[in-house]
Amino acid sequence: MSDTVDQVLRLEGLRKSYNLGLPNEVEVLHGLDLTIGRNDFAALIGPSGSGKSTLLNVIGLLDRPTSGELFLLGQATSGMDDTGRTALRGSSIGFVFQFHHLINAFTAIDNVLMPWMLTQGKPDRRARDKARTLLAAVGLEKYADTKPNQLSGGQQQRIAIARALITEPALLLADEPTGNLDSQTAAEVFELFRRVQQERGCAVLLVTHDPRLSATCDRTINLVDGRIVSDTVNNRDEAVIPH
């Protein structure tokens, strides 16, 4: 477990149920304890229906746990109102999904700036320069004024990664970010996540169904039936990124 000062995320006895008080009430997450440190590059794996998406939504402050506590950058979140949770999420968490959810009516750079605009308003020159720098970092600077539907799937996912980084998050959450890509492009996007984590110092928690991909992460957290059944450090020397 990371020292408290190095923790980005800590879960203590976290539970999540749906249909509370109804005959069909069901508990999906069963008292999870988990810590993610500032330098972690971790994979979250598990079979379909194990609760991975539910856990990611709770960690991302998109949904509230039923009980237990979630600490983000040392702040307990259970007592926060929606405004406080939204502000903390916007400043501290970046999201990348399997389907990039870019807006085709906007250019690549405007898509990257979207989280900034939601929290800061109209972007100034400094924000636009920052967005261009991020597009350059993902190899797409020359496509800044291009609409997403004119780019490949891999290029669109790179824009989504740049978008997730515009607020300089401490935690990057990725839900099957390579699941909609061919194997070669998936390997390239995965390597980009690795470079982002090393160069920008944000923790990465990546949901994947691919055990070969999870083996190339530093750590693998296995969720089964809403319980963490293993949390292991990987031997990356033996891992090969799938192409």
Protein backbone atom coordinates (compact mmCIF):
# COMPACT_ATOMS: atom_id res chain seq x y z
CA MET A 1 0.00 0.00 0.00
CA SER A 2 1.25 3.49 -0.87
CA ASP A 3 2.08 6.01 1.82
CA THR A 4 -0.80 8.40 2.47
CA VAL A 5 1.06 11.31 0.88
CA ASP A 6 1.46 9.32 -2.35
CA GLN A 7 -2.15 8.15 -2.54
CA VAL A 8 -4.40 9.44 -5.28
CA LEU A 9 -7.31 7.15 -4.47
CA ARG A 10 -8.32 5.10 -1.42
CA LEU A 11 -11.45 3.01 -0.97
CA GLU A 12 -12.47 1.82 2.48
CA GLY A 13 -15.27 -0.73 2.80
CA LEU A 14 -16.94 0.57 -0.34
CA ARG A 15 -20.31 -0.93 -1.21
CA LYS A 16 -22.75 -0.19 -4.01
CA SER A 17 -26.33 -1.43 -4.22
CA TYR A 18 -29.14 -0.75 -6.63
CA ASN A 19 -32.92 -0.65 -6.02
CA LEU A 20 -32.45 0.11 -2.34
CA GLY A 21 -35.38 -0.94 -0.20
CA LEU A 22 -37.11 -2.77 -3.03
CA PRO A 23 -37.66 -6.53 -3.35
CA ASN A 24 -35.16 -6.62 -6.20
CA GLU A 25 -32.40 -4.80 -4.28
CA VAL A 26 -28.99 -6.07 -5.30
CA GLU A 27 -25.52 -5.30 -3.98
CA VAL A 28 -22.96 -5.10 -6.80
CA LEU A 29 -19.81 -4.06 -4.90
CA HIS A 30 -19.14 -5.77 -1.57
CA GLY A 31 -16.96 -3.81 0.83
CA LEU A 32 -13.96 -3.00 -1.37
CA ASP A 33 -10.64 -1.77 0.00
CA LEU A 34 -8.23 -0.40 -2.59
CA THR A 35 -5.42 2.14 -2.88
CA ILE A 36 -4.04 3.70 -6.06
CA GLY A 37 -0.74 5.55 -5.72
CA ARG A 38 0.54 8.48 -7.75
CA ASN A 39 2.88 6.32 -9.81
CA ASP A 40 0.51 3.40 -10.37
CA PHE A 41 -0.23 2.06 -13.85
CA ALA A 42 -2.87 -0.51 -12.96
CA ALA A 43 -5.24 -2.77 -14.88
CA LEU A 44 -8.69 -3.65 -13.58
CA ILE A 45 -9.84 -7.00 -14.97
CA GLY A 46 -12.72 -9.37 -14.34
CA PRO A 47 -15.46 -11.28 -16.14
CA SER A 48 -18.52 -9.60 -17.59
CA GLY A 49 -20.92 -8.65 -14.79
CA SER A 50 -18.19 -8.53 -12.14
CA GLY A 51 -18.85 -4.86 -11.36
CA LYS A 52 -15.96 -3.22 -13.23
CA SER A 53 -18.06 -0.48 -14.85
CA THR A 54 -19.93 0.16 -11.60
CA LEU A 55 -16.64 0.50 -9.74
CA LEU A 56 -15.24 2.85 -12.38
CA ASN A 57 -18.35 5.04 -12.18
CA VAL A 58 -18.04 5.24 -8.40
CA ILE A 59 -14.31 5.97 -8.52
CA GLY A 60 -14.97 8.64 -11.15
CA LEU A 61 -17.52 10.31 -8.84
CA LEU A 62 -20.21 9.73 -11.45
CA ASP A 63 -22.15 7.58 -8.99
CA ARG A 64 -22.28 7.47 -5.20
CA PRO A 65 -21.45 4.38 -3.14
CA THR A 66 -24.14 3.03 -0.84
CA SER A 67 -21.70 2.90 2.08
CA GLY A 68 -18.01 3.05 2.81
CA GLU A 69 -15.68 5.89 1.91
CA LEU A 70 -13.82 7.06 -1.17
CA PHE A 71 -10.86 9.37 -0.66
CA LEU A 72 -9.59 11.31 -3.66
CA LEU A 73 -6.33 13.20 -3.11
CA GLY A 74 -6.93 12.77 0.61
CA GLN A 75 -10.43 14.23 0.55
CA ALA A 76 -13.33 12.14 1.82
CA THR A 77 -16.11 12.38 -0.76
CA SER A 78 -19.12 10.73 0.90
CA GLY A 79 -20.25 13.97 2.53
CA MET A 80 -19.74 16.15 -0.54
CA ASP A 81 -22.73 17.65 -2.32
CA ASP A 82 -23.09 17.32 -6.08
CA THR A 83 -21.41 20.66 -6.73
CA GLY A 84 -18.35 19.67 -4.70
CA ARG A 85 -18.13 16.27 -6.34
CA THR A 86 -18.42 17.79 -9.81
CA ALA A 87 -15.67 20.31 -9.07
CA LEU A 88 -13.35 17.64 -7.67
CA ARG A 89 -14.03 15.31 -10.59
CA GLY A 90 -13.39 18.08 -13.11
CA SER A 91 -10.07 19.08 -11.59
CA SER A 92 -8.67 15.69 -10.58
CA ILE A 93 -9.96 12.94 -12.90
CA GLY A 94 -9.60 12.35 -16.63
CA PHE A 95 -11.78 9.85 -18.51
CA VAL A 96 -11.12 7.82 -21.65
CA PHE A 97 -13.76 5.39 -22.90
CA GLN A 98 -13.94 2.61 -25.47
CA PHE A 99 -16.10 4.85 -27.63
CA HIS A 100 -14.36 8.20 -27.58
CA HIS A 101 -17.54 10.36 -27.44
CA LEU A 102 -16.01 13.15 -29.50
CA ILE A 103 -18.29 15.81 -30.97
CA ASN A 104 -18.05 15.73 -34.75
CA ALA A 105 -19.36 19.29 -35.10
CA PHE A 106 -16.22 20.54 -33.31
CA THR A 107 -12.60 20.43 -34.38
CA ALA A 108 -10.03 18.24 -32.66
CA ILE A 109 -8.68 21.13 -30.61
CA ASP A 110 -12.16 22.19 -29.49
CA ASN A 111 -12.88 18.61 -28.41
CA VAL A 112 -9.68 18.62 -26.37
CA LEU A 113 -10.74 21.91 -24.75
CA MET A 114 -14.22 20.65 -23.81
CA PRO A 115 -13.44 19.75 -20.16
CA TRP A 116 -11.68 23.10 -19.77
CA MET A 117 -14.70 24.96 -21.13
CA LEU A 118 -17.05 23.09 -18.79
CA THR A 119 -15.07 24.16 -15.73
CA GLN A 120 -13.32 27.39 -16.77
CA GLY A 121 -15.52 28.90 -19.47
CA LYS A 122 -14.25 30.30 -22.76
CA PRO A 123 -10.66 29.15 -23.33
CA ASP A 124 -8.00 31.84 -23.49
CA ARG A 125 -4.80 31.74 -25.56
CA ARG A 126 -2.96 29.86 -22.81
CA ALA A 127 -5.62 27.13 -22.79
CA ARG A 128 -5.54 26.80 -26.58
CA ASP A 129 -1.75 26.62 -26.55
CA LYS A 130 -1.98 23.91 -23.92
CA ALA A 131 -4.47 21.97 -26.06
CA ARG A 132 -2.14 22.21 -29.07
CA THR A 133 0.74 20.97 -26.93
CA LEU A 134 -1.34 17.96 -25.89
CA LEU A 135 -2.30 17.23 -29.49
CA ALA A 136 1.40 17.38 -30.36
CA ALA A 137 2.13 14.98 -27.51
CA VAL A 138 -0.27 12.42 -29.01
CA GLY A 139 1.08 13.00 -32.52
CA LEU A 140 -1.87 14.96 -33.91
CA GLU A 141 -0.80 18.61 -33.87
CA LYS A 142 -1.36 19.00 -37.61
CA TYR A 143 -4.97 17.81 -37.20
CA ALA A 144 -5.92 20.45 -34.62
CA ASP A 145 -8.50 22.04 -36.95
CA THR A 146 -9.83 18.75 -38.37
CA LYS A 147 -13.21 17.28 -37.46
CA PRO A 148 -13.03 13.89 -35.69
CA ASN A 149 -15.12 12.09 -38.32
CA GLN A 150 -12.36 12.82 -40.83
CA LEU A 151 -9.83 10.86 -38.75
CA SER A 152 -9.21 7.18 -38.06
CA GLY A 153 -10.43 5.38 -34.95
CA GLY A 154 -6.95 5.36 -33.45
CA GLN A 155 -6.52 9.09 -34.11
CA GLN A 156 -9.89 9.79 -32.50
CA GLN A 157 -8.87 7.84 -29.42
CA ARG A 158 -5.66 9.87 -29.23
CA ILE A 159 -7.76 13.04 -29.24
CA ALA A 160 -9.81 11.56 -26.39
CA ILE A 161 -6.61 10.97 -24.41
CA ALA A 162 -5.48 14.57 -25.01
CA ARG A 163 -8.93 15.73 -23.89
CA ALA A 164 -8.65 13.73 -20.69
CA LEU A 165 -5.34 15.43 -19.89
CA ILE A 166 -6.33 19.07 -20.45
CA THR A 167 -7.15 19.61 -16.76
CA GLU A 168 -3.90 17.92 -15.63
CA PRO A 169 -5.72 15.18 -13.68
CA ALA A 170 -4.09 13.22 -10.89
CA LEU A 171 -6.01 10.09 -11.96
CA LEU A 172 -6.73 8.89 -15.49
CA LEU A 173 -9.55 6.35 -15.79
CA ALA A 174 -9.79 4.34 -19.00
CA ASP A 175 -12.67 1.96 -19.71
CA GLU A 176 -11.68 -0.55 -22.42
CA PRO A 177 -9.86 2.24 -24.30
CA THR A 178 -8.45 -0.14 -26.92
CA GLY A 179 -11.49 -2.42 -27.21
CA ASN A 180 -12.73 -0.78 -30.41
CA LEU A 181 -9.35 -0.73 -32.17
CA ASP A 182 -7.38 -3.17 -34.28
CA SER A 183 -4.47 -4.87 -32.51
CA GLN A 184 -1.72 -2.68 -33.98
CA THR A 185 -3.52 0.57 -33.15
CA ALA A 186 -4.44 -0.79 -29.71
CA ALA A 187 -0.77 -1.43 -28.97
CA GLU A 188 0.12 2.11 -30.05
CA VAL A 189 -2.62 3.64 -27.87
CA PHE A 190 -1.54 1.52 -24.92
CA GLU A 191 2.04 2.72 -25.32
CA LEU A 192 0.69 6.28 -25.36
CA PHE A 193 -1.01 5.67 -21.99
CA ARG A 194 2.28 4.41 -20.64
CA ARG A 195 4.14 7.47 -21.89
CA VAL A 196 1.47 9.79 -20.48
CA GLN A 197 1.79 8.16 -17.06
CA GLN A 198 5.57 8.43 -17.05
CA GLU A 199 5.88 11.94 -18.44
CA ARG A 200 2.90 13.61 -16.79
CA GLY A 201 2.90 11.82 -13.45
CA CYS A 202 -0.76 10.86 -13.27
CA ALA A 203 -1.97 7.52 -11.96
CA VAL A 204 -3.70 5.30 -14.54
CA LEU A 205 -6.45 2.76 -13.86
CA LEU A 206 -7.30 0.91 -17.04
CA VAL A 207 -10.20 -1.52 -17.45
CA THR A 208 -9.48 -4.25 -19.97
CA HIS A 209 -10.78 -7.68 -20.86
CA ASP A 210 -7.46 -8.64 -22.46
CA PRO A 211 -5.12 -10.53 -20.06
CA ARG A 212 -2.15 -9.87 -22.37
CA LEU A 213 -2.76 -6.14 -22.07
CA SER A 214 -3.22 -6.26 -18.30
CA ALA A 215 0.05 -8.20 -17.98
CA THR A 216 1.93 -5.26 -19.47
CA CYS A 217 0.63 -2.96 -16.72
CA ASP A 218 2.57 -2.64 -13.48
CA ARG A 219 -0.28 -4.05 -11.43
CA THR A 220 -3.40 -6.13 -12.03
CA ILE A 221 -6.53 -5.87 -9.87
CA ASN A 222 -8.94 -8.75 -10.42
CA LEU A 223 -12.62 -8.09 -9.62
CA VAL A 224 -14.98 -11.09 -9.47
CA ASP A 225 -18.62 -10.89 -8.35
CA GLY A 226 -18.05 -7.46 -6.85
CA ARG A 227 -15.03 -8.48 -4.77
CA ILE A 228 -11.32 -7.95 -5.31
CA VAL A 229 -9.94 -11.49 -5.44
CA SER A 230 -6.34 -10.54 -6.24
CA ASP A 231 -4.15 -7.47 -6.52
CA THR A 232 -0.75 -8.38 -7.91
CA VAL A 233 2.42 -6.70 -9.14
CA ASN A 234 3.26 -7.86 -12.65
CA ASN A 235 6.60 -8.99 -14.00
CA ARG A 236 6.69 -6.74 -17.04
CA ASP A 237 9.92 -8.32 -18.28
CA GLU A 238 7.86 -11.35 -19.27
CA ALA A 239 4.96 -9.40 -20.72
CA VAL A 240 4.54 -8.64 -24.41
CA ILE A 241 2.22 -5.94 -25.69
CA PRO A 242 -0.21 -7.63 -28.10
CA HIS A 243 0.06 -6.51 -31.73
